[in-house]
Amino acid sequence: MKIVNNILFAVMLSAGNCFAIYGRESDDKDNYPHPYSRSECHVPGHYGHGGRTLRDCCPQYIISNGRVYFDGREVKDASASGFKSLPDGYALDSWNVYYCGNRIDGAASQSFRVLGYGYAVDSWRVYYSGEVMKDASSASFEILHDWYAKDRWNVYFDGKKIEDASPTDFEVLGAGYAKDRWNTYYFGHKINE
């Protein structure tokens, strides 16, 4: 939460969904109020892996006059008919998939699904924040909790592979902690070495 000029700003993330309460913020240069849309309101609870802004967690796709827009700019090659905004900054039309207004090359819109926590899959690939996750298997990929995920061969945190983690007995404990048969992890890093 942030209070500026007696106005409360709050953003909450829950399983990839965003809820925002916001108003107007003062511009430091001339103290003139302007719409809250581009200020750096860092979201608490993203566990220190880079602050997320309101724009990161609550992207806005708009269709107007047969065109698709994201964050004040036109989305190139997007088809307004059949365009669908999805959670976590993703969107799709009949032919393409988009992340934060940019087309994801090679993503299959017919099979694309958002899983939460920034993860998504299509029939062939796994994505995190719009980027292809190399070597992740879309056929066996699943979200666990708290930005942890796994497939048949690997475990991931925040879109990155956790070296030597065992997917067969990996368990998320909560508050950033997880474990497998041999190790305990905190935000994706081994802590009992």
C-alpha atoms as a PDB file:
ATOM      1  CA  MET A   1       0.000   0.000   0.000  1.00  0.00           C
ATOM      2  CA  LYS A   2       1.046   3.539  -0.623  1.00  0.00           C
ATOM      3  CA  ILE A   3      -0.501   6.769   0.616  1.00  0.00           C
ATOM      4  CA  VAL A   4       0.090   9.887  -1.460  1.00  0.00           C
ATOM      5  CA  ASN A   5      -1.799  13.103  -0.805  1.00  0.00           C
ATOM      6  CA  ASN A   6      -4.159  11.178   1.483  1.00  0.00           C
ATOM      7  CA  ILE A   7      -5.109   8.713  -1.266  1.00  0.00           C
ATOM      8  CA  LEU A   8      -4.600   4.993  -0.775  1.00  0.00           C
ATOM      9  CA  PHE A   9      -2.969   2.859  -3.463  1.00  0.00           C
ATOM     10  CA  ALA A  10      -3.120  -0.897  -2.996  1.00  0.00           C
ATOM     11  CA  VAL A  11      -2.368  -3.813  -5.254  1.00  0.00           C
ATOM     12  CA  MET A  12      -2.875  -7.436  -4.296  1.00  0.00           C
ATOM     13  CA  LEU A  13      -1.716 -10.492  -6.224  1.00  0.00           C
ATOM     14  CA  SER A  14      -3.357 -13.849  -5.713  1.00  0.00           C
ATOM     15  CA  ALA A  15      -2.554 -16.876  -7.880  1.00  0.00           C
ATOM     16  CA  GLY A  16      -1.846 -14.717 -10.892  1.00  0.00           C
ATOM     17  CA  ASN A  17      -4.914 -12.525 -10.484  1.00  0.00           C
ATOM     18  CA  CYS A  18      -4.601  -8.854  -9.730  1.00  0.00           C
ATOM     19  CA  PHE A  19      -6.892  -6.659  -7.731  1.00  0.00           C
ATOM     20  CA  ALA A  20      -6.151  -2.943  -7.639  1.00  0.00           C
ATOM     21  CA  ILE A  21      -7.460  -0.019  -5.688  1.00  0.00           C
ATOM     22  CA  TYR A  22      -6.070   3.266  -6.823  1.00  0.00           C
ATOM     23  CA  GLY A  23      -6.817   6.922  -7.250  1.00  0.00           C
ATOM     24  CA  ARG A  24      -4.715   9.894  -8.186  1.00  0.00           C
ATOM     25  CA  GLU A  25      -1.087  10.618  -7.392  1.00  0.00           C
ATOM     26  CA  SER A  26       0.799  13.871  -7.091  1.00  0.00           C
ATOM     27  CA  ASP A  27       3.518  14.672  -9.626  1.00  0.00           C
ATOM     28  CA  ASP A  28       6.661  15.642  -7.719  1.00  0.00           C
ATOM     29  CA  LYS A  29       7.677  18.251 -10.307  1.00  0.00           C
ATOM     30  CA  ASP A  30       4.695  20.577 -10.092  1.00  0.00           C
ATOM     31  CA  ASN A  31       2.527  18.895  -7.450  1.00  0.00           C
ATOM     32  CA  TYR A  32      -0.304  18.678  -9.965  1.00  0.00           C
ATOM     33  CA  PRO A  33      -2.451  15.545  -9.641  1.00  0.00           C
ATOM     34  CA  HIS A  34      -2.498  13.227 -12.632  1.00  0.00           C
ATOM     35  CA  PRO A  35      -4.115   9.840 -13.302  1.00  0.00           C
ATOM     36  CA  TYR A  36      -2.318   6.962 -11.636  1.00  0.00           C
ATOM     37  CA  SER A  37      -1.029   4.911 -14.548  1.00  0.00           C
ATOM     38  CA  ARG A  38       2.720   5.121 -14.878  1.00  0.00           C
ATOM     39  CA  SER A  39       4.105   5.587 -11.375  1.00  0.00           C
ATOM     40  CA  GLU A  40       6.311   2.949  -9.789  1.00  0.00           C
ATOM     41  CA  CYS A  41       3.970   1.358  -7.259  1.00  0.00           C
ATOM     42  CA  HIS A  42       5.976  -1.712  -6.255  1.00  0.00           C
ATOM     43  CA  VAL A  43       3.841  -4.651  -5.296  1.00  0.00           C
ATOM     44  CA  PRO A  44       4.659  -6.081  -1.891  1.00  0.00           C
ATOM     45  CA  GLY A  45       4.769  -9.840  -1.624  1.00  0.00           C
ATOM     46  CA  HIS A  46       6.625 -10.622  -4.838  1.00  0.00           C
ATOM     47  CA  TYR A  47       9.363 -11.948  -2.583  1.00  0.00           C
ATOM     48  CA  GLY A  48      12.086  -9.539  -3.615  1.00  0.00           C
ATOM     49  CA  HIS A  49      12.449 -10.864  -7.153  1.00  0.00           C
ATOM     50  CA  GLY A  50      12.250  -7.451  -8.728  1.00  0.00           C
ATOM     51  CA  GLY A  51       9.448  -5.056  -7.833  1.00  0.00           C
ATOM     52  CA  ARG A  52       6.355  -5.437  -9.941  1.00  0.00           C
ATOM     53  CA  THR A  53       4.491  -2.330 -10.936  1.00  0.00           C
ATOM     54  CA  LEU A  54       0.770  -1.847 -11.385  1.00  0.00           C
ATOM     55  CA  ARG A  55       1.351  -2.068 -15.143  1.00  0.00           C
ATOM     56  CA  ASP A  56       3.151  -5.410 -14.719  1.00  0.00           C
ATOM     57  CA  CYS A  57       0.397  -7.094 -12.751  1.00  0.00           C
ATOM     58  CA  CYS A  58      -2.680  -5.377 -14.169  1.00  0.00           C
ATOM     59  CA  PRO A  59      -2.086  -4.844 -17.866  1.00  0.00           C
ATOM     60  CA  GLN A  60      -4.841  -3.236 -19.836  1.00  0.00           C
ATOM     61  CA  TYR A  61      -5.701  -4.266 -23.373  1.00  0.00           C
ATOM     62  CA  ILE A  62      -8.271  -1.983 -24.983  1.00  0.00           C
ATOM     63  CA  ILE A  63     -10.139  -2.391 -28.271  1.00  0.00           C
ATOM     64  CA  SER A  64     -11.172   0.837 -29.953  1.00  0.00           C
ATOM     65  CA  ASN A  65     -12.225   1.552 -33.540  1.00  0.00           C
ATOM     66  CA  GLY A  66     -11.226  -1.935 -34.677  1.00  0.00           C
ATOM     67  CA  ARG A  67      -7.722  -1.723 -33.198  1.00  0.00           C
ATOM     68  CA  VAL A  68      -6.134  -3.286 -30.127  1.00  0.00           C
ATOM     69  CA  TYR A  69      -4.059  -1.188 -27.714  1.00  0.00           C
ATOM     70  CA  PHE A  70      -1.871  -2.022 -24.734  1.00  0.00           C
ATOM     71  CA  ASP A  71      -0.368   0.562 -22.393  1.00  0.00           C
ATOM     72  CA  GLY A  72      -1.060   3.428 -24.783  1.00  0.00           C
ATOM     73  CA  ARG A  73       0.326   1.829 -27.940  1.00  0.00           C
ATOM     74  CA  GLU A  74      -1.232  -0.169 -30.740  1.00  0.00           C
ATOM     75  CA  VAL A  75      -0.635  -3.927 -30.645  1.00  0.00           C
ATOM     76  CA  LYS A  76       0.849  -4.766 -34.050  1.00  0.00           C
ATOM     77  CA  ASP A  77      -0.841  -7.544 -36.055  1.00  0.00           C
ATOM     78  CA  ALA A  78      -3.607  -8.021 -33.457  1.00  0.00           C
ATOM     79  CA  SER A  79      -7.079  -8.783 -34.781  1.00  0.00           C
ATOM     80  CA  ALA A  80      -9.752  -6.921 -32.809  1.00  0.00           C
ATOM     81  CA  SER A  81     -12.402  -9.460 -33.787  1.00  0.00           C
ATOM     82  CA  GLY A  82     -11.934 -12.447 -31.531  1.00  0.00           C
ATOM     83  CA  PHE A  83      -9.298 -10.718 -29.384  1.00  0.00           C
ATOM     84  CA  LYS A  84      -9.303 -11.929 -25.790  1.00  0.00           C
ATOM     85  CA  SER A  85      -7.422 -10.484 -22.820  1.00  0.00           C
ATOM     86  CA  LEU A  86      -6.099 -13.140 -20.421  1.00  0.00           C
ATOM     87  CA  PRO A  87      -4.548 -12.970 -16.912  1.00  0.00           C
ATOM     88  CA  ASP A  88      -0.891 -12.152 -16.225  1.00  0.00           C
ATOM     89  CA  GLY A  89      -0.430  -9.802 -19.212  1.00  0.00           C
ATOM     90  CA  TYR A  90      -1.274 -12.401 -21.853  1.00  0.00           C
ATOM     91  CA  ALA A  91      -3.829 -12.059 -24.644  1.00  0.00           C
ATOM     92  CA  LEU A  92      -4.689 -13.826 -27.862  1.00  0.00           C
ATOM     93  CA  ASP A  93      -6.611 -13.568 -31.087  1.00  0.00           C
ATOM     94  CA  SER A  94      -7.405 -16.250 -33.647  1.00  0.00           C
ATOM     95  CA  TRP A  95      -3.814 -16.438 -34.913  1.00  0.00           C
ATOM     96  CA  ASN A  96      -1.392 -14.990 -32.359  1.00  0.00           C
ATOM     97  CA  VAL A  97      -0.582 -14.829 -28.641  1.00  0.00           C
ATOM     98  CA  TYR A  98       0.645 -11.626 -26.974  1.00  0.00           C
ATOM     99  CA  TYR A  99       2.421 -10.714 -23.767  1.00  0.00           C
ATOM    100  CA  CYS A 100       2.280  -7.098 -22.584  1.00  0.00           C
ATOM    101  CA  GLY A 101       1.338  -6.017 -26.098  1.00  0.00           C
ATOM    102  CA  ASN A 102       4.109  -7.912 -27.895  1.00  0.00           C
ATOM    103  CA  ARG A 103       3.476 -10.942 -30.098  1.00  0.00           C
ATOM    104  CA  ILE A 104       5.042 -14.182 -28.836  1.00  0.00           C
ATOM    105  CA  ASP A 105       6.671 -15.785 -31.869  1.00  0.00           C
ATOM    106  CA  GLY A 106       5.577 -19.376 -32.439  1.00  0.00           C
ATOM    107  CA  ALA A 107       2.930 -19.501 -29.693  1.00  0.00           C
ATOM    108  CA  ALA A 108      -0.190 -21.448 -30.688  1.00  0.00           C
ATOM    109  CA  SER A 109      -3.317 -19.438 -29.903  1.00  0.00           C
ATOM    110  CA  GLN A 110      -5.676 -22.408 -30.351  1.00  0.00           C
ATOM    111  CA  SER A 111      -4.098 -24.379 -27.478  1.00  0.00           C
ATOM    112  CA  PHE A 112      -2.716 -21.510 -25.343  1.00  0.00           C
ATOM    113  CA  ARG A 113      -3.630 -21.540 -21.626  1.00  0.00           C
ATOM    114  CA  VAL A 114      -2.537 -19.251 -18.780  1.00  0.00           C
ATOM    115  CA  LEU A 115      -1.738 -21.268 -15.646  1.00  0.00           C
ATOM    116  CA  GLY A 116      -1.041 -18.415 -13.205  1.00  0.00           C
ATOM    117  CA  TYR A 117       2.019 -16.840 -11.570  1.00  0.00           C
ATOM    118  CA  GLY A 118       3.176 -15.712 -15.058  1.00  0.00           C
ATOM    119  CA  TYR A 119       3.287 -19.279 -16.433  1.00  0.00           C
ATOM    120  CA  ALA A 120       1.424 -20.361 -19.577  1.00  0.00           C
ATOM    121  CA  VAL A 121       1.481 -23.323 -21.972  1.00  0.00           C
ATOM    122  CA  ASP A 122       0.463 -24.275 -25.478  1.00  0.00           C
ATOM    123  CA  SER A 123       0.652 -27.708 -27.105  1.00  0.00           C
ATOM    124  CA  TRP A 124       4.427 -27.498 -27.590  1.00  0.00           C
ATOM    125  CA  ARG A 125       5.974 -24.953 -25.219  1.00  0.00           C
ATOM    126  CA  VAL A 126       5.934 -23.503 -21.723  1.00  0.00           C
ATOM    127  CA  TYR A 127       6.153 -19.727 -21.201  1.00  0.00           C
ATOM    128  CA  TYR A 128       7.037 -17.523 -18.264  1.00  0.00           C
ATOM    129  CA  SER A 129       6.330 -13.796 -18.527  1.00  0.00           C
ATOM    130  CA  GLY A 130       6.055 -14.189 -22.287  1.00  0.00           C
ATOM    131  CA  GLU A 131       9.399 -15.967 -22.742  1.00  0.00           C
ATOM    132  CA  VAL A 132       9.806 -19.591 -23.809  1.00  0.00           C
ATOM    133  CA  MET A 133      11.154 -21.791 -21.016  1.00  0.00           C
ATOM    134  CA  LYS A 134      13.797 -23.927 -22.686  1.00  0.00           C
ATOM    135  CA  ASP A 135      13.545 -27.665 -21.985  1.00  0.00           C
ATOM    136  CA  ALA A 136      10.256 -27.404 -20.037  1.00  0.00           C
ATOM    137  CA  SER A 137       7.614 -29.935 -21.094  1.00  0.00           C
ATOM    138  CA  SER A 138       4.155 -28.529 -21.787  1.00  0.00           C
ATOM    139  CA  ALA A 139       2.616 -32.024 -21.625  1.00  0.00           C
ATOM    140  CA  SER A 140       3.563 -32.529 -17.960  1.00  0.00           C
ATOM    141  CA  PHE A 141       3.970 -28.919 -16.735  1.00  0.00           C
ATOM    142  CA  GLU A 142       2.025 -27.946 -13.629  1.00  0.00           C
ATOM    143  CA  ILE A 143       1.866 -25.023 -11.216  1.00  0.00           C
ATOM    144  CA  LEU A 144       2.552 -25.883  -7.590  1.00  0.00           C
ATOM    145  CA  HIS A 145       2.237 -22.664  -5.542  1.00  0.00           C
ATOM    146  CA  ASP A 146       4.166 -19.465  -4.740  1.00  0.00           C
ATOM    147  CA  TRP A 147       5.854 -19.235  -8.188  1.00  0.00           C
ATOM    148  CA  TYR A 148       7.027 -22.861  -7.997  1.00  0.00           C
ATOM    149  CA  ALA A 149       6.180 -25.192 -10.893  1.00  0.00           C
ATOM    150  CA  LYS A 150       7.376 -28.524 -12.243  1.00  0.00           C
ATOM    151  CA  ASP A 151       7.280 -30.910 -15.159  1.00  0.00           C
ATOM    152  CA  ARG A 152       8.233 -34.583 -15.330  1.00  0.00           C
ATOM    153  CA  TRP A 153      11.992 -33.836 -15.271  1.00  0.00           C
ATOM    154  CA  ASN A 154      12.565 -30.469 -13.538  1.00  0.00           C
ATOM    155  CA  VAL A 155      11.354 -28.040 -10.888  1.00  0.00           C
ATOM    156  CA  TYR A 156      11.166 -24.283 -11.521  1.00  0.00           C
ATOM    157  CA  PHE A 157      10.893 -21.128  -9.448  1.00  0.00           C
ATOM    158  CA  ASP A 158      10.047 -17.748 -10.911  1.00  0.00           C
ATOM    159  CA  GLY A 159      10.527 -19.236 -14.392  1.00  0.00           C
ATOM    160  CA  LYS A 160      14.030 -20.582 -13.728  1.00  0.00           C
ATOM    161  CA  LYS A 161      15.089 -24.205 -13.346  1.00  0.00           C
ATOM    162  CA  ILE A 162      16.132 -25.244  -9.825  1.00  0.00           C
ATOM    163  CA  GLU A 163      19.264 -27.345 -10.267  1.00  0.00           C
ATOM    164  CA  ASP A 164      19.136 -30.852  -8.787  1.00  0.00           C
ATOM    165  CA  ALA A 165      15.587 -30.496  -7.412  1.00  0.00           C
ATOM    166  CA  SER A 166      13.556 -33.702  -7.588  1.00  0.00           C
ATOM    167  CA  PRO A 167      10.128 -33.235  -9.218  1.00  0.00           C
ATOM    168  CA  THR A 168       8.806 -36.606  -8.016  1.00  0.00           C
ATOM    169  CA  ASP A 169       8.760 -35.636  -4.338  1.00  0.00           C
ATOM    170  CA  PHE A 170       9.001 -31.833  -4.480  1.00  0.00           C
ATOM    171  CA  GLU A 171       6.659 -30.097  -2.035  1.00  0.00           C
ATOM    172  CA  VAL A 172       5.925 -26.392  -1.518  1.00  0.00           C
ATOM    173  CA  LEU A 173       5.769 -25.589   2.190  1.00  0.00           C
ATOM    174  CA  GLY A 174       4.673 -21.943   1.902  1.00  0.00           C
ATOM    175  CA  ALA A 175       6.213 -18.525   2.540  1.00  0.00           C
ATOM    176  CA  GLY A 176       8.862 -19.208  -0.145  1.00  0.00           C
ATOM    177  CA  TYR A 177       9.998 -22.531   1.349  1.00  0.00           C
ATOM    178  CA  ALA A 178       9.904 -25.879  -0.460  1.00  0.00           C
ATOM    179  CA  LYS A 179      11.570 -29.253  -0.088  1.00  0.00           C
ATOM    180  CA  ASP A 180      12.355 -32.507  -1.823  1.00  0.00           C
ATOM    181  CA  ARG A 181      13.823 -35.719  -0.394  1.00  0.00           C
ATOM    182  CA  TRP A 182      17.348 -34.260  -0.144  1.00  0.00           C
ATOM    183  CA  ASN A 183      17.138 -30.476   0.125  1.00  0.00           C
ATOM    184  CA  THR A 184      15.193 -27.527   1.469  1.00  0.00           C
ATOM    185  CA  TYR A 185      14.714 -24.459  -0.748  1.00  0.00           C
ATOM    186  CA  TYR A 186      13.933 -20.825  -0.062  1.00  0.00           C
ATOM    187  CA  PHE A 187      12.647 -18.858  -3.036  1.00  0.00           C
ATOM    188  CA  GLY A 188      14.162 -21.428  -5.356  1.00  0.00           C
ATOM    189  CA  HIS A 189      17.626 -21.584  -3.743  1.00  0.00           C
ATOM    190  CA  LYS A 190      19.016 -24.503  -1.728  1.00  0.00           C
ATOM    191  CA  ILE A 191      19.471 -23.499   1.910  1.00  0.00           C
ATOM    192  CA  ASN A 192      20.897 -26.641   3.531  1.00  0.00           C
ATOM    193  CA  GLU A 193      24.277 -26.985   1.846  1.00  0.00           C
END
